[in-house]
Amino acid sequence: MEYLIKDASKKLNISIYTLRYYDKEGLTPFVKKDENGVRKYTEEDLEWIRLLMNLRDIDMPISNIKEYIQLYLQGDKTIDERRDLMCRYTEYIKKKIENTINNLEMAIRKLKQYDSAVADILDDKDLFEFNKK
């Protein structure tokens, strides 16, 4: 089955602009165009684009995605290199998660400090109100 760009964008839940950008950047080398230049996406193309979306979700730069594509186009002889590229990004993601957890823990500590300060203020206010009676 083939999809026009609007159908592919709906199926992938991304904008037509993004699909055109991927094409312009050479990230979708398998997508065929008809004699009028209209893109025709196959299921395999959509699966490839899902991979691109995942790579972008882990903040892989376009330049590294292009490197990955060039390696992919060279076939099985580059499996080790592609694996190395993914290993590097796995480590990057782990570090990013660690940093996010550290930031979350700091924010939680700060919230506890504010909650404690508010509780102290309320206790003082209650004491003040009690003494007025």
C-alpha atoms as a PDB file:
ATOM      1  CA  MET A   1       0.000   0.000   0.000  1.00  0.00           C
ATOM      2  CA  GLU A   2       1.186   3.517  -0.776  1.00  0.00           C
ATOM      3  CA  TYR A   3       0.396   6.710   1.099  1.00  0.00           C
ATOM      4  CA  LEU A   4       0.450  10.312  -0.008  1.00  0.00           C
ATOM      5  CA  ILE A   5       2.254  12.733   2.281  1.00  0.00           C
ATOM      6  CA  LYS A   6      -0.952  13.861   4.039  1.00  0.00           C
ATOM      7  CA  ASP A   7      -1.908  10.243   4.765  1.00  0.00           C
ATOM      8  CA  ALA A   8       1.606   9.393   5.939  1.00  0.00           C
ATOM      9  CA  SER A   9       1.615  12.429   8.222  1.00  0.00           C
ATOM     10  CA  LYS A  10      -1.692  11.365   9.792  1.00  0.00           C
ATOM     11  CA  LYS A  11      -0.561   7.777  10.198  1.00  0.00           C
ATOM     12  CA  LEU A  12       2.707   8.880  11.840  1.00  0.00           C
ATOM     13  CA  ASN A  13       1.138  11.762  13.763  1.00  0.00           C
ATOM     14  CA  ILE A  14       3.720  14.249  12.493  1.00  0.00           C
ATOM     15  CA  SER A  15       3.387  17.287  10.286  1.00  0.00           C
ATOM     16  CA  ILE A  16       3.693  17.340   6.520  1.00  0.00           C
ATOM     17  CA  TYR A  17       6.398  19.950   7.072  1.00  0.00           C
ATOM     18  CA  THR A  18       8.437  17.420   9.103  1.00  0.00           C
ATOM     19  CA  LEU A  19       8.137  14.806   6.370  1.00  0.00           C
ATOM     20  CA  ARG A  20       9.279  17.334   3.767  1.00  0.00           C
ATOM     21  CA  TYR A  21      12.146  18.379   6.039  1.00  0.00           C
ATOM     22  CA  TYR A  22      13.261  14.751   6.451  1.00  0.00           C
ATOM     23  CA  ASP A  23      13.218  14.384   2.669  1.00  0.00           C
ATOM     24  CA  LYS A  24      15.117  17.641   2.107  1.00  0.00           C
ATOM     25  CA  GLU A  25      17.776  16.557   4.622  1.00  0.00           C
ATOM     26  CA  GLY A  26      18.181  13.184   2.904  1.00  0.00           C
ATOM     27  CA  LEU A  27      16.814  11.246   5.871  1.00  0.00           C
ATOM     28  CA  THR A  28      14.252   9.321   3.826  1.00  0.00           C
ATOM     29  CA  PRO A  29      16.299   7.997   0.897  1.00  0.00           C
ATOM     30  CA  PHE A  30      13.876   5.173   0.126  1.00  0.00           C
ATOM     31  CA  VAL A  31      10.753   7.266  -0.417  1.00  0.00           C
ATOM     32  CA  LYS A  32       9.826   7.188  -4.096  1.00  0.00           C
ATOM     33  CA  LYS A  33       8.401  10.083  -6.056  1.00  0.00           C
ATOM     34  CA  ASP A  34       6.183   9.784  -9.083  1.00  0.00           C
ATOM     35  CA  GLU A  35       6.761  11.609 -12.379  1.00  0.00           C
ATOM     36  CA  ASN A  36       5.205  14.747 -10.861  1.00  0.00           C
ATOM     37  CA  GLY A  37       7.450  14.672  -7.794  1.00  0.00           C
ATOM     38  CA  VAL A  38       4.661  13.463  -5.496  1.00  0.00           C
ATOM     39  CA  ARG A  39       6.022  11.379  -2.643  1.00  0.00           C
ATOM     40  CA  LYS A  40       4.613   7.863  -2.293  1.00  0.00           C
ATOM     41  CA  TYR A  41       5.229   6.304   1.126  1.00  0.00           C
ATOM     42  CA  THR A  42       5.166   2.555   1.712  1.00  0.00           C
ATOM     43  CA  GLU A  43       4.723   0.729   5.022  1.00  0.00           C
ATOM     44  CA  GLU A  44       8.505   0.198   5.052  1.00  0.00           C
ATOM     45  CA  ASP A  45       9.027   3.949   4.589  1.00  0.00           C
ATOM     46  CA  LEU A  46       6.719   4.649   7.518  1.00  0.00           C
ATOM     47  CA  GLU A  47       8.637   2.178   9.668  1.00  0.00           C
ATOM     48  CA  TRP A  48      11.898   3.917   8.700  1.00  0.00           C
ATOM     49  CA  ILE A  49      10.413   7.295   9.628  1.00  0.00           C
ATOM     50  CA  ARG A  50       9.328   5.888  13.001  1.00  0.00           C
ATOM     51  CA  LEU A  51      12.982   4.990  13.579  1.00  0.00           C
ATOM     52  CA  LEU A  52      13.978   8.560  12.633  1.00  0.00           C
ATOM     53  CA  MET A  53      11.400   9.902  15.068  1.00  0.00           C
ATOM     54  CA  ASN A  54      12.813   7.696  17.828  1.00  0.00           C
ATOM     55  CA  LEU A  55      16.339   8.894  17.082  1.00  0.00           C
ATOM     56  CA  ARG A  56      15.163  12.504  17.246  1.00  0.00           C
ATOM     57  CA  ASP A  57      13.315  11.753  20.495  1.00  0.00           C
ATOM     58  CA  ILE A  58      16.646  10.786  22.068  1.00  0.00           C
ATOM     59  CA  ASP A  59      18.113  14.066  20.824  1.00  0.00           C
ATOM     60  CA  MET A  60      20.339  12.472  18.209  1.00  0.00           C
ATOM     61  CA  PRO A  61      21.579  15.324  16.004  1.00  0.00           C
ATOM     62  CA  ILE A  62      20.610  15.262  12.328  1.00  0.00           C
ATOM     63  CA  SER A  63      24.300  14.914  11.427  1.00  0.00           C
ATOM     64  CA  ASN A  64      24.523  11.665  13.401  1.00  0.00           C
ATOM     65  CA  ILE A  65      21.283  10.397  11.907  1.00  0.00           C
ATOM     66  CA  LYS A  66      22.756  11.074   8.462  1.00  0.00           C
ATOM     67  CA  GLU A  67      25.842   9.127   9.503  1.00  0.00           C
ATOM     68  CA  TYR A  68      23.605   6.264  10.622  1.00  0.00           C
ATOM     69  CA  ILE A  69      21.738   6.326   7.294  1.00  0.00           C
ATOM     70  CA  GLN A  70      24.974   6.263   5.305  1.00  0.00           C
ATOM     71  CA  LEU A  71      26.119   3.274   7.331  1.00  0.00           C
ATOM     72  CA  TYR A  72      22.749   1.588   6.876  1.00  0.00           C
ATOM     73  CA  LEU A  73      22.874   2.081   3.114  1.00  0.00           C
ATOM     74  CA  GLN A  74      26.230   0.286   3.032  1.00  0.00           C
ATOM     75  CA  GLY A  75      24.587  -2.876   4.303  1.00  0.00           C
ATOM     76  CA  ASP A  76      25.542  -5.519   6.828  1.00  0.00           C
ATOM     77  CA  LYS A  77      29.250  -4.725   6.743  1.00  0.00           C
ATOM     78  CA  THR A  78      28.501  -1.655   8.905  1.00  0.00           C
ATOM     79  CA  ILE A  79      26.485  -3.392  11.613  1.00  0.00           C
ATOM     80  CA  ASP A  80      29.291  -2.969  14.164  1.00  0.00           C
ATOM     81  CA  GLU A  81      29.569   0.743  13.409  1.00  0.00           C
ATOM     82  CA  ARG A  82      25.807   1.216  13.682  1.00  0.00           C
ATOM     83  CA  ARG A  83      25.837  -0.692  16.955  1.00  0.00           C
ATOM     84  CA  ASP A  84      28.621   1.561  18.268  1.00  0.00           C
ATOM     85  CA  LEU A  85      26.598   4.628  17.317  1.00  0.00           C
ATOM     86  CA  MET A  86      23.580   3.294  19.220  1.00  0.00           C
ATOM     87  CA  CYS A  87      25.770   2.395  22.221  1.00  0.00           C
ATOM     88  CA  ARG A  88      27.006   5.986  22.394  1.00  0.00           C
ATOM     89  CA  TYR A  89      23.457   7.266  22.416  1.00  0.00           C
ATOM     90  CA  THR A  90      22.382   4.710  24.983  1.00  0.00           C
ATOM     91  CA  GLU A  91      25.047   6.124  27.299  1.00  0.00           C
ATOM     92  CA  TYR A  92      23.945   9.664  26.458  1.00  0.00           C
ATOM     93  CA  ILE A  93      20.351   8.808  27.361  1.00  0.00           C
ATOM     94  CA  LYS A  94      21.432   7.188  30.644  1.00  0.00           C
ATOM     95  CA  LYS A  95      23.327  10.347  31.617  1.00  0.00           C
ATOM     96  CA  LYS A  96      20.373  12.499  30.629  1.00  0.00           C
ATOM     97  CA  ILE A  97      18.066  10.376  32.801  1.00  0.00           C
ATOM     98  CA  GLU A  98      20.496  10.647  35.736  1.00  0.00           C
ATOM     99  CA  ASN A  99      20.574  14.434  35.351  1.00  0.00           C
ATOM    100  CA  THR A 100      16.793  14.575  35.150  1.00  0.00           C
ATOM    101  CA  ILE A 101      16.468  12.468  38.310  1.00  0.00           C
ATOM    102  CA  ASN A 102      18.958  14.730  40.115  1.00  0.00           C
ATOM    103  CA  ASN A 103      16.991  17.801  39.026  1.00  0.00           C
ATOM    104  CA  LEU A 104      13.742  16.206  40.171  1.00  0.00           C
ATOM    105  CA  GLU A 105      15.222  15.338  43.571  1.00  0.00           C
ATOM    106  CA  MET A 106      16.438  18.921  43.998  1.00  0.00           C
ATOM    107  CA  ALA A 107      12.992  20.274  43.103  1.00  0.00           C
ATOM    108  CA  ILE A 108      11.348  17.894  45.595  1.00  0.00           C
ATOM    109  CA  ARG A 109      13.762  19.011  48.349  1.00  0.00           C
ATOM    110  CA  LYS A 110      12.942  22.634  47.563  1.00  0.00           C
ATOM    111  CA  LEU A 111       9.198  21.921  47.691  1.00  0.00           C
ATOM    112  CA  LYS A 112       9.615  20.269  51.092  1.00  0.00           C
ATOM    113  CA  GLN A 113      11.463  23.359  52.329  1.00  0.00           C
ATOM    114  CA  TYR A 114       8.631  25.579  51.107  1.00  0.00           C
ATOM    115  CA  ASP A 115       6.009  23.280  52.636  1.00  0.00           C
ATOM    116  CA  SER A 116       7.876  23.406  55.939  1.00  0.00           C
ATOM    117  CA  ALA A 117       8.138  27.197  55.783  1.00  0.00           C
ATOM    118  CA  VAL A 118       4.421  27.513  55.032  1.00  0.00           C
ATOM    119  CA  ALA A 119       3.578  25.140  57.900  1.00  0.00           C
ATOM    120  CA  ASP A 120       5.724  27.244  60.264  1.00  0.00           C
ATOM    121  CA  ILE A 121       3.957  30.409  59.136  1.00  0.00           C
ATOM    122  CA  LEU A 122       0.552  28.796  59.633  1.00  0.00           C
ATOM    123  CA  ASP A 123       1.560  27.552  63.092  1.00  0.00           C
ATOM    124  CA  ASP A 124       2.705  31.061  64.027  1.00  0.00           C
ATOM    125  CA  LYS A 125      -0.537  32.509  62.662  1.00  0.00           C
ATOM    126  CA  ASP A 126      -2.626  29.983  64.627  1.00  0.00           C
ATOM    127  CA  LEU A 127      -0.661  30.806  67.773  1.00  0.00           C
ATOM    128  CA  PHE A 128      -1.171  34.516  67.140  1.00  0.00           C
ATOM    129  CA  GLU A 129      -4.917  34.012  66.630  1.00  0.00           C
ATOM    130  CA  PHE A 130      -5.100  31.861  69.785  1.00  0.00           C
ATOM    131  CA  ASN A 131      -3.348  34.547  71.883  1.00  0.00           C
ATOM    132  CA  LYS A 132      -5.785  37.214  70.649  1.00  0.00           C
ATOM    133  CA  LYS A 133      -8.740  35.332  72.152  1.00  0.00           C
END
